[in-house]
Amino acid sequence: MLKTHACGELRKDHIGQTVTLAGWVNRRRDMGGVIFIDLRDRAGKAQIVVDSSRSAEAFAHAEQIRSEYVIQVTGVVSQRPEGQENEAMATGDIEVLVDELAVLNAAKTAPFPIDREANVDEGLRLKYRYLDLRRERLQRNLTVRHKAIKFIRDFLDKRGFLEIETPILFKSTPEGARDYLVPSRVHPGKFYALPQSPQQLKQLLMVAGYERYFQIARCFRDEDQRKDRQPEFTQLDMEISFVQRDDILDLIEALMVGMAKEVSLVPLASEEFPRISYREAMDRYGTDRPDLRFEMFLHDIGDIVEESAFQVFRDNVKAGKVAKALCVPGCGDYSRRQIDELEAIAKKNGAKGMAWMAIKADTGEIRGSIVKFFTTEQLAALTERVGAEPGDLILLSSDTRYVANIVLGALRDEMGERLGLKDKKALSFCWVVDFPLFEEEKEGDHYAPSHH
């Protein structure tokens, strides 16, 4: 072995021991007769001290090295001088005083910083993926992924599940996206399809009596790439026989809570997952996958606009459609350009337009082109309904229930992001239950099977 210890594992317990480390030069600082090196491997970083008075040969080598050189050092683990500890490093209490240093591989200057986070063009990162993968964040992500998969396997094994691999080359079956097709050499003119999910295969396993199956399954979908879509991805796939809905919910809830405690770098907001019906999720959040990390709910204002002079909304409500509103705190001073940006989002999600009104922070006066269609009493009722205060912005939509919810849900998500209301340091799970079998399409002229 070219190393006796990993860089990131050294602690006070190792003080006085002679160790051999190997890794990449993360950072180098030349202080004259002493050179400090942060040596990095998969386990973390350790400070290496090359003192010319301790080893002239090692110091001569250290003078030549630069970032991303691969080196091997042998030295003694020592307590850092008082006041020079680094709490930001797991190994910040110790350093290694070098007696021997060897360059295993020299390196050219990297095309982007590796020792710190930087805004790097994604194309450049992918071109030099082997360098990109050296960065601490990506190594941490892959380590967490490994630990999560290991936890899943151990958790399900203890509960009687069998991990069974299913075929990758399979028959094309109707799914939610297009299939990737693989031509058969043995059968000219015929094709295999890469599975979008092992749905039929796991059901065959249930029919065959395996009862509890799981797989860390690779899935393939030929569809346009978006932030929540990839051509290939990995999912936990499972199937259970002889259970009811609550049995499955309880199992998955225990799995997620356990995994968050053991593996995740982000804490759970709550260990109890609230259960929200599909209808409540759509009516309050405008989506069937609500973000519970911030409030800002949708409100039905149909009874108010039905009595107003706002004809478009009033006629919609009388025709059986809905009118809904969303209060956005602190955005009452939004400019026309910013309002237009929000309207573009609304139209992208199926709206014919977007109405709005804003409350001035200093006077409480309500401005907006639709204000003239409401009486003072109606405006008071509307602002009270949505919980608006001076300085707030109110966004309104009227359409079919489905479209109005989707439109305001998209605006809620956008404003939650813009205003920094989404707590990135918390996981907030919930169950959305009681899905419909069919749901109305955005165009509103037909129904389609609902996803679950």
Protein backbone atom coordinates (compact mmCIF):
# COMPACT_ATOMS: atom_id res chain seq x y z
CA MET A 1 0.00 0.00 0.00
CA LEU A 2 1.23 3.48 -0.84
CA LYS A 3 -0.53 4.92 2.21
CA THR A 4 -1.09 3.82 5.80
CA HIS A 5 -3.91 6.24 6.55
CA ALA A 6 -6.46 8.39 4.74
CA CYS A 7 -5.91 12.14 4.97
CA GLY A 8 -9.34 12.80 6.46
CA GLU A 9 -9.12 10.19 9.21
CA LEU A 10 -6.24 11.68 11.22
CA ARG A 11 -7.17 12.90 14.70
CA LYS A 12 -5.51 13.69 18.04
CA ASP A 13 -5.35 9.94 18.73
CA HIS A 14 -2.74 9.67 15.97
CA ILE A 15 -0.36 12.24 17.51
CA GLY A 16 3.15 10.81 17.68
CA GLN A 17 2.53 8.16 15.03
CA THR A 18 4.49 7.96 11.80
CA VAL A 19 2.08 7.87 8.86
CA THR A 20 2.27 7.68 5.10
CA LEU A 21 -0.31 9.61 3.11
CA ALA A 22 -1.00 9.87 -0.60
CA GLY A 23 -3.33 12.25 -2.38
CA TRP A 24 -3.80 15.45 -4.34
CA VAL A 25 -2.37 18.85 -3.46
CA ASN A 26 -5.44 20.91 -2.68
CA ARG A 27 -3.57 24.09 -1.74
CA ARG A 28 0.06 25.08 -1.21
CA ARG A 29 1.39 28.00 0.85
CA ASP A 30 5.10 28.90 0.77
CA MET A 31 6.15 30.72 3.94
CA GLY A 32 9.87 30.85 3.13
CA GLY A 33 11.63 28.05 4.95
CA VAL A 34 8.34 26.24 5.57
CA ILE A 35 5.76 25.08 3.01
CA PHE A 36 2.22 24.20 4.09
CA ILE A 37 0.22 21.81 1.92
CA ASP A 38 -3.42 20.83 2.26
CA LEU A 39 -3.32 17.23 1.06
CA ARG A 40 -6.64 15.84 -0.14
CA ASP A 41 -8.03 12.38 -0.71
CA ARG A 42 -11.55 10.96 -0.74
CA ALA A 43 -11.74 10.96 3.06
CA GLY A 44 -10.89 14.63 3.50
CA LYS A 45 -7.89 16.94 3.93
CA ALA A 46 -4.88 17.10 6.23
CA GLN A 47 -2.31 19.85 6.67
CA ILE A 48 1.20 18.80 5.68
CA VAL A 49 4.18 20.81 6.95
CA VAL A 50 7.42 20.62 4.96
CA ASP A 51 10.20 22.31 6.95
CA SER A 52 13.59 22.84 5.28
CA SER A 53 15.32 22.36 8.64
CA ARG A 54 13.67 18.95 9.10
CA SER A 55 14.20 17.54 5.58
CA ALA A 56 16.01 19.53 2.90
CA GLU A 57 15.24 16.89 0.26
CA ALA A 58 11.51 16.90 0.99
CA PHE A 59 11.54 20.71 0.97
CA ALA A 60 13.22 20.77 -2.45
CA HIS A 61 10.45 18.55 -3.84
CA ALA A 62 7.77 20.68 -2.17
CA GLU A 63 9.12 23.82 -3.86
CA GLN A 64 8.32 22.29 -7.26
CA ILE A 65 4.80 21.03 -6.66
CA ARG A 66 1.60 22.86 -7.51
CA SER A 67 -2.14 22.33 -7.09
CA GLU A 68 -3.44 18.91 -8.15
CA TYR A 69 -0.03 17.24 -8.09
CA VAL A 70 -0.33 13.71 -6.71
CA ILE A 71 2.19 13.19 -3.92
CA GLN A 72 3.14 10.73 -1.22
CA VAL A 73 4.43 11.91 2.15
CA THR A 74 5.74 10.19 5.24
CA GLY A 75 5.92 12.04 8.52
CA VAL A 76 4.90 12.32 12.14
CA VAL A 77 1.44 13.45 13.26
CA SER A 78 1.78 16.45 15.55
CA GLN A 79 -0.47 18.75 17.55
CA ARG A 80 -0.93 22.09 15.80
CA PRO A 81 0.55 25.08 17.66
CA GLU A 82 -1.92 26.77 20.00
CA GLY A 83 -4.07 29.29 18.17
CA GLN A 84 -3.46 27.70 14.76
CA GLU A 85 -6.19 25.07 14.97
CA ASN A 86 -8.71 25.06 12.12
CA GLU A 87 -12.26 24.27 13.24
CA ALA A 88 -13.41 24.19 9.61
CA MET A 89 -11.39 21.01 9.02
CA ALA A 90 -12.13 17.66 10.65
CA THR A 91 -8.35 17.24 10.96
CA GLY A 92 -7.89 20.82 12.13
CA ASP A 93 -6.25 19.90 15.46
CA ILE A 94 -3.27 18.13 13.90
CA GLU A 95 -0.67 18.43 11.17
CA VAL A 96 1.89 16.07 9.68
CA LEU A 97 5.59 17.03 9.92
CA VAL A 98 7.11 15.62 6.73
CA ASP A 99 10.30 13.56 6.59
CA GLU A 100 9.88 12.18 3.06
CA LEU A 101 8.01 13.51 0.03
CA ALA A 102 7.66 11.96 -3.42
CA VAL A 103 5.86 13.30 -6.48
CA LEU A 104 3.76 10.48 -7.93
CA ASN A 105 2.27 12.53 -10.75
CA ALA A 106 2.72 16.11 -11.91
CA ALA A 107 -0.29 18.13 -13.09
CA LYS A 108 -1.00 20.96 -15.50
CA THR A 109 -3.00 23.98 -14.40
CA ALA A 110 -6.66 22.95 -14.09
CA PRO A 111 -9.19 24.72 -16.37
CA PHE A 112 -11.27 25.69 -13.32
CA PRO A 113 -10.78 25.82 -9.53
CA ILE A 114 -11.01 22.47 -7.78
CA ASP A 115 -10.12 23.53 -4.24
CA ARG A 116 -13.22 25.74 -3.86
CA GLU A 117 -16.73 26.30 -5.21
CA ALA A 118 -16.79 28.46 -8.33
CA ASN A 119 -19.31 29.41 -10.99
CA VAL A 120 -18.04 27.22 -13.84
CA ASP A 121 -19.71 26.70 -17.22
CA GLU A 122 -21.43 23.32 -17.21
CA GLY A 123 -20.05 22.42 -20.64
CA LEU A 124 -16.51 22.95 -19.35
CA ARG A 125 -17.24 20.88 -16.27
CA LEU A 126 -18.54 18.00 -18.38
CA LYS A 127 -15.58 18.19 -20.77
CA TYR A 128 -13.25 17.72 -17.79
CA ARG A 129 -15.59 15.54 -15.78
CA TYR A 130 -12.71 13.65 -14.14
CA LEU A 131 -11.54 16.96 -12.67
CA ASP A 132 -15.04 18.11 -11.78
CA LEU A 133 -15.57 14.90 -9.81
CA ARG A 134 -12.58 15.75 -7.62
CA ARG A 135 -14.46 18.70 -6.12
CA GLU A 136 -15.56 18.32 -2.52
CA ARG A 137 -19.27 18.86 -3.15
CA LEU A 138 -19.51 16.16 -5.81
CA GLN A 139 -17.49 13.68 -3.78
CA ARG A 140 -19.75 14.37 -0.81
CA ASN A 141 -22.85 13.86 -2.96
CA LEU A 142 -21.67 10.52 -4.31
CA THR A 143 -20.69 9.40 -0.81
CA VAL A 144 -24.15 10.30 0.52
CA ARG A 145 -25.73 8.46 -2.42
CA HIS A 146 -23.71 5.33 -1.60
CA LYS A 147 -24.70 5.50 2.06
CA ALA A 148 -28.37 6.01 1.15
CA ILE A 149 -28.41 2.94 -1.10
CA LYS A 150 -26.65 0.86 1.55
CA PHE A 151 -29.18 2.00 4.16
CA ILE A 152 -32.08 1.09 1.85
CA ARG A 153 -30.68 -2.39 1.25
CA ASP A 154 -30.11 -3.07 4.95
CA PHE A 155 -33.50 -1.62 5.94
CA LEU A 156 -35.50 -3.67 3.45
CA ASP A 157 -33.47 -6.83 4.00
CA LYS A 158 -34.39 -6.74 7.70
CA ARG A 159 -38.05 -6.57 6.69
CA GLY A 160 -38.05 -9.62 4.48
CA PHE A 161 -37.53 -8.05 1.07
CA LEU A 162 -35.57 -9.75 -1.70
CA GLU A 163 -33.41 -7.67 -4.02
CA ILE A 164 -34.02 -9.05 -7.51
CA GLU A 165 -32.59 -7.70 -10.75
CA THR A 166 -34.98 -7.53 -13.69
CA PRO A 167 -33.99 -7.46 -17.39
CA ILE A 168 -32.73 -4.26 -19.00
CA LEU A 169 -33.54 -5.46 -22.53
CA PHE A 170 -37.31 -5.82 -22.62
CA LYS A 171 -40.38 -5.44 -24.79
CA SER A 172 -41.71 -1.96 -25.54
CA THR A 173 -44.82 -1.22 -23.45
CA PRO A 174 -46.89 1.98 -23.12
CA GLU A 175 -45.44 4.26 -20.43
CA GLY A 176 -45.24 7.98 -19.72
CA ALA A 177 -42.49 8.74 -22.26
CA ARG A 178 -40.88 7.36 -25.40
CA ASP A 179 -38.73 4.24 -25.20
CA TYR A 180 -35.06 4.00 -26.04
CA LEU A 181 -34.82 1.25 -28.65
CA VAL A 182 -31.93 -1.20 -29.09
CA PRO A 183 -31.74 -3.09 -32.42
CA SER A 184 -31.32 -6.86 -32.23
CA ARG A 185 -28.47 -8.37 -34.24
CA VAL A 186 -29.90 -11.87 -33.91
CA HIS A 187 -33.39 -10.83 -35.05
CA PRO A 188 -32.94 -8.25 -37.85
CA GLY A 189 -35.65 -5.60 -37.95
CA LYS A 190 -36.65 -6.18 -34.33
CA PHE A 191 -35.81 -4.05 -31.32
CA TYR A 192 -35.53 -4.27 -27.56
CA ALA A 193 -36.72 -1.36 -25.40
CA LEU A 194 -34.86 -0.11 -22.35
CA PRO A 195 -37.29 -0.11 -19.39
CA GLN A 196 -38.87 3.15 -18.24
CA SER A 197 -39.55 1.25 -15.01
CA PRO A 198 -39.70 -2.46 -14.09
CA GLN A 199 -43.49 -2.22 -13.68
CA GLN A 200 -44.61 -5.37 -15.49
CA LEU A 201 -41.61 -7.39 -14.36
CA LYS A 202 -42.17 -6.75 -10.67
CA GLN A 203 -45.85 -7.59 -11.05
CA LEU A 204 -44.81 -10.93 -12.54
CA LEU A 205 -42.71 -11.48 -9.42
CA MET A 206 -45.76 -10.86 -7.25
CA VAL A 207 -47.80 -13.34 -9.30
CA ALA A 208 -44.90 -15.78 -8.88
CA GLY A 209 -45.23 -15.52 -5.10
CA TYR A 210 -42.14 -13.53 -4.12
CA GLU A 211 -44.32 -11.18 -2.00
CA ARG A 212 -41.65 -8.59 -1.14
CA TYR A 213 -39.33 -7.34 -3.87
CA PHE A 214 -37.09 -4.33 -4.29
CA GLN A 215 -34.45 -3.17 -6.71
CA ILE A 216 -32.17 -0.16 -7.10
CA ALA A 217 -33.42 0.09 -10.66
CA ARG A 218 -31.89 1.87 -13.61
CA CYS A 219 -34.61 3.47 -15.75
CA PHE A 220 -34.52 5.07 -19.20
CA ARG A 221 -36.91 7.64 -20.67
CA ASP A 222 -36.55 9.39 -24.01
CA GLU A 223 -38.03 12.79 -23.18
CA ASP A 224 -37.05 16.44 -23.13
CA GLN A 225 -34.61 17.24 -20.35
CA ARG A 226 -35.82 19.49 -17.54
CA LYS A 227 -34.66 19.99 -13.98
CA ASP A 228 -36.75 17.00 -12.86
CA ARG A 229 -36.27 14.88 -16.00
CA GLN A 230 -33.24 12.90 -17.14
CA PRO A 231 -32.81 10.33 -19.91
CA GLU A 232 -31.52 7.79 -17.40
CA PHE A 233 -31.93 7.72 -13.65
CA THR A 234 -31.96 5.38 -10.67
CA GLN A 235 -34.99 4.75 -8.48
CA LEU A 236 -35.92 2.56 -5.55
CA ASP A 237 -38.42 0.18 -7.10
CA MET A 238 -40.46 -2.11 -4.89
CA GLU A 239 -43.63 -4.17 -4.74
CA ILE A 240 -45.43 -5.87 -1.83
CA SER A 241 -48.21 -8.43 -1.72
CA PHE A 242 -50.94 -8.82 0.92
CA VAL A 243 -50.84 -5.26 2.28
CA GLN A 244 -53.10 -2.24 2.47
CA ARG A 245 -52.34 1.39 1.79
CA ASP A 246 -51.36 2.31 5.34
CA ASP A 247 -48.90 -0.59 5.51
CA ILE A 248 -47.02 0.84 2.53
CA LEU A 249 -47.14 4.43 3.81
CA ASP A 250 -45.83 3.38 7.23
CA LEU A 251 -43.00 1.37 5.66
CA ILE A 252 -41.83 4.17 3.38
CA GLU A 253 -42.17 6.75 6.15
CA ALA A 254 -39.93 4.68 8.44
CA LEU A 255 -37.45 4.26 5.60
CA MET A 256 -37.28 7.99 4.86
CA VAL A 257 -37.02 9.01 8.52
CA GLY A 258 -34.28 6.45 9.15
CA MET A 259 -32.36 7.45 6.05
CA ALA A 260 -32.59 11.15 6.92
CA LYS A 261 -31.18 10.46 10.38
CA GLU A 262 -28.40 8.13 9.27
CA VAL A 263 -27.38 9.56 5.93
CA SER A 264 -28.76 12.97 5.03
CA LEU A 265 -26.86 16.20 5.49
CA VAL A 266 -30.23 18.00 5.69
CA PRO A 267 -32.50 17.53 8.75
CA LEU A 268 -36.18 16.61 8.64
CA ALA A 269 -38.63 19.37 9.45
CA SER A 270 -40.80 16.72 11.14
CA GLU A 271 -40.65 12.96 11.62
CA GLU A 272 -44.40 12.78 11.11
CA PHE A 273 -45.48 13.11 7.50
CA PRO A 274 -48.82 14.90 7.18
CA ARG A 275 -51.37 13.32 4.86
CA ILE A 276 -52.95 15.73 2.41
CA SER A 277 -55.66 14.78 -0.03
CA TYR A 278 -55.10 15.46 -3.71
CA ARG A 279 -57.96 17.94 -3.66
CA GLU A 280 -56.52 19.87 -0.68
CA ALA A 281 -53.05 19.92 -2.24
CA MET A 282 -54.41 21.33 -5.49
CA ASP A 283 -56.75 23.84 -3.83
CA ARG A 284 -54.26 25.18 -1.25
CA TYR A 285 -50.91 24.81 -3.01
CA GLY A 286 -51.80 24.57 -6.71
CA THR A 287 -49.87 21.33 -7.21
CA ASP A 288 -50.07 17.65 -6.32
CA ARG A 289 -46.51 17.82 -4.95
CA PRO A 290 -46.73 20.76 -2.52
CA ASP A 291 -43.70 22.44 -1.01
CA LEU A 292 -44.49 22.68 2.71
CA ARG A 293 -41.35 24.64 3.57
CA PHE A 294 -43.28 27.90 3.24
CA GLU A 295 -46.91 28.95 3.49
CA MET A 296 -48.51 31.35 0.96
CA PHE A 297 -51.77 29.54 0.23
CA LEU A 298 -54.29 29.84 -2.60
CA HIS A 299 -57.69 31.29 -1.61
CA ASP A 300 -61.09 30.95 -3.26
CA ILE A 301 -62.61 34.40 -3.88
CA GLY A 302 -65.49 33.31 -6.12
CA ASP A 303 -68.20 34.61 -3.80
CA ILE A 304 -66.56 38.05 -3.74
CA VAL A 305 -65.97 38.49 -7.48
CA GLU A 306 -69.44 37.14 -8.27
CA GLU A 307 -70.88 40.29 -6.70
CA SER A 308 -68.31 42.62 -8.29
CA ALA A 309 -68.28 44.47 -11.61
CA PHE A 310 -65.23 42.53 -12.81
CA GLN A 311 -67.11 40.90 -15.66
CA VAL A 312 -64.54 38.35 -16.86
CA PHE A 313 -64.16 36.77 -13.43
CA ARG A 314 -67.84 37.21 -12.56
CA ASP A 315 -69.01 35.46 -15.73
CA ASN A 316 -66.54 32.63 -15.19
CA VAL A 317 -67.82 31.99 -11.67
CA LYS A 318 -71.44 32.06 -12.80
CA ALA A 319 -70.51 29.54 -15.54
CA GLY A 320 -69.19 27.10 -12.93
CA LYS A 321 -65.53 28.07 -13.03
CA VAL A 322 -63.53 29.41 -10.07
CA ALA A 323 -61.75 32.61 -9.08
CA LYS A 324 -58.72 32.31 -6.83
CA ALA A 325 -56.07 34.60 -5.37
CA LEU A 326 -52.55 34.36 -3.99
CA CYS A 327 -51.07 36.94 -1.61
CA VAL A 328 -47.33 37.53 -2.08
CA PRO A 329 -45.85 39.31 0.95
CA GLY A 330 -43.68 42.38 0.48
CA CYS A 331 -44.02 42.64 -3.30
CA GLY A 332 -46.50 45.50 -3.54
CA ASP A 333 -43.86 47.67 -5.20
CA TYR A 334 -43.36 45.30 -8.13
CA SER A 335 -42.72 47.11 -11.41
CA ARG A 336 -44.66 46.63 -14.63
CA ARG A 337 -41.79 44.56 -16.00
CA GLN A 338 -41.84 42.25 -12.99
CA ILE A 339 -45.62 41.87 -13.27
CA ASP A 340 -45.20 40.99 -16.95
CA GLU A 341 -42.69 38.28 -16.00
CA LEU A 342 -45.24 36.73 -13.66
CA GLU A 343 -47.95 36.96 -16.31
CA ALA A 344 -45.69 35.10 -18.73
CA ILE A 345 -45.37 32.29 -16.18
CA ALA A 346 -49.15 32.24 -15.76
CA LYS A 347 -49.71 31.97 -19.52
CA LYS A 348 -47.08 29.26 -19.82
CA ASN A 349 -49.16 27.21 -17.38
CA GLY A 350 -52.43 27.61 -19.24
CA ALA A 351 -53.81 31.00 -18.18
CA LYS A 352 -55.30 33.38 -20.70
CA GLY A 353 -54.01 36.27 -18.61
CA MET A 354 -53.31 37.33 -15.03
CA ALA A 355 -55.02 39.94 -12.87
CA TRP A 356 -53.30 41.64 -9.96
CA MET A 357 -53.58 44.33 -7.34
CA ALA A 358 -51.00 45.78 -4.98
CA ILE A 359 -51.27 47.49 -1.61
CA LYS A 360 -48.98 50.48 -1.08
CA ALA A 361 -46.81 50.04 1.98
CA ASP A 362 -47.02 53.65 3.15
CA THR A 363 -50.68 54.54 2.55
CA GLY A 364 -52.44 51.18 2.28
CA GLU A 365 -53.96 52.33 -1.02
CA ILE A 366 -54.75 49.50 -3.42
CA ARG A 367 -53.53 49.99 -6.99
CA GLY A 368 -54.09 47.98 -10.15
CA SER A 369 -56.22 48.15 -13.29
CA ILE A 370 -58.93 45.87 -11.87
CA VAL A 371 -59.41 47.78 -8.60
CA LYS A 372 -62.08 50.01 -10.18
CA PHE A 373 -64.37 46.99 -10.60
CA PHE A 374 -64.62 46.40 -6.84
CA THR A 375 -66.38 48.37 -4.13
CA THR A 376 -64.53 49.42 -1.00
CA GLU A 377 -66.32 46.69 0.94
CA GLN A 378 -65.43 44.04 -1.65
CA LEU A 379 -61.77 45.07 -1.62
CA ALA A 380 -61.73 44.88 2.17
CA ALA A 381 -63.29 41.41 2.05
CA LEU A 382 -60.82 40.24 -0.58
CA THR A 383 -57.72 41.48 1.24
CA GLU A 384 -58.98 39.98 4.49
CA ARG A 385 -59.67 36.64 2.77
CA VAL A 386 -56.13 36.34 1.44
CA GLY A 387 -54.47 37.86 4.53
CA ALA A 388 -52.96 40.81 2.65
CA GLU A 389 -51.15 43.62 4.46
CA PRO A 390 -49.78 46.97 3.24
CA GLY A 391 -46.84 46.27 0.93
CA ASP A 392 -48.25 42.98 -0.40
CA LEU A 393 -49.07 41.89 -3.94
CA ILE A 394 -52.22 39.90 -4.80
CA LEU A 395 -52.27 37.69 -7.91
CA LEU A 396 -55.64 36.53 -9.25
CA SER A 397 -56.71 33.84 -11.71
CA SER A 398 -60.10 32.66 -12.95
CA ASP A 399 -60.60 29.56 -15.05
CA THR A 400 -61.53 25.94 -14.55
CA ARG A 401 -60.62 24.74 -11.08
CA TYR A 402 -57.71 22.73 -12.44
CA VAL A 403 -56.19 25.52 -14.55
CA ALA A 404 -56.64 28.24 -11.90
CA ASN A 405 -54.93 26.02 -9.32
CA ILE A 406 -52.05 25.09 -11.65
CA VAL A 407 -51.47 28.73 -12.64
CA LEU A 408 -51.36 30.09 -9.09
CA GLY A 409 -49.38 27.05 -7.95
CA ALA A 410 -46.68 27.87 -10.51
CA LEU A 411 -46.66 31.50 -9.35
CA ARG A 412 -46.46 30.39 -5.72
CA ASP A 413 -43.44 28.24 -6.52
CA GLU A 414 -41.77 31.07 -8.43
CA MET A 415 -42.33 33.63 -5.67
CA GLY A 416 -41.21 31.21 -2.98
CA GLU A 417 -37.93 30.90 -4.88
CA ARG A 418 -37.57 34.62 -5.55
CA LEU A 419 -38.25 35.61 -1.96
CA GLY A 420 -36.00 32.93 -0.47
CA LEU A 421 -38.88 31.33 1.44
CA LYS A 422 -37.81 27.76 0.69
CA ASP A 423 -35.65 26.51 3.53
CA LYS A 424 -32.86 24.71 1.67
CA LYS A 425 -31.61 23.27 4.97
CA ALA A 426 -34.73 21.27 5.77
CA LEU A 427 -36.62 18.32 4.31
CA SER A 428 -40.39 18.59 4.63
CA PHE A 429 -42.22 15.47 3.46
CA CYS A 430 -45.92 14.77 3.17
CA TRP A 431 -48.18 12.12 1.69
CA VAL A 432 -50.59 13.19 -1.03
CA VAL A 433 -53.43 10.65 -1.04
CA ASP A 434 -56.79 10.03 -2.72
CA PHE A 435 -55.68 10.79 -6.26
CA PRO A 436 -58.42 10.82 -8.90
CA LEU A 437 -58.43 8.18 -11.60
CA PHE A 438 -58.74 10.91 -14.26
CA GLU A 439 -57.97 14.62 -14.29
CA GLU A 440 -58.83 17.49 -16.59
CA GLU A 441 -56.20 18.52 -19.11
CA LYS A 442 -54.99 22.14 -19.21
CA GLU A 443 -57.02 22.77 -22.37
CA GLY A 444 -60.09 21.76 -20.37
CA ASP A 445 -61.90 19.92 -23.15
CA HIS A 446 -61.14 16.35 -22.14
CA TYR A 447 -59.91 14.15 -19.30
CA ALA A 448 -56.76 12.04 -19.14
CA PRO A 449 -55.58 9.33 -16.74
CA SER A 450 -54.08 10.89 -13.63
CA HIS A 451 -50.56 9.99 -12.61
CA HIS A 452 -50.13 8.78 -9.04
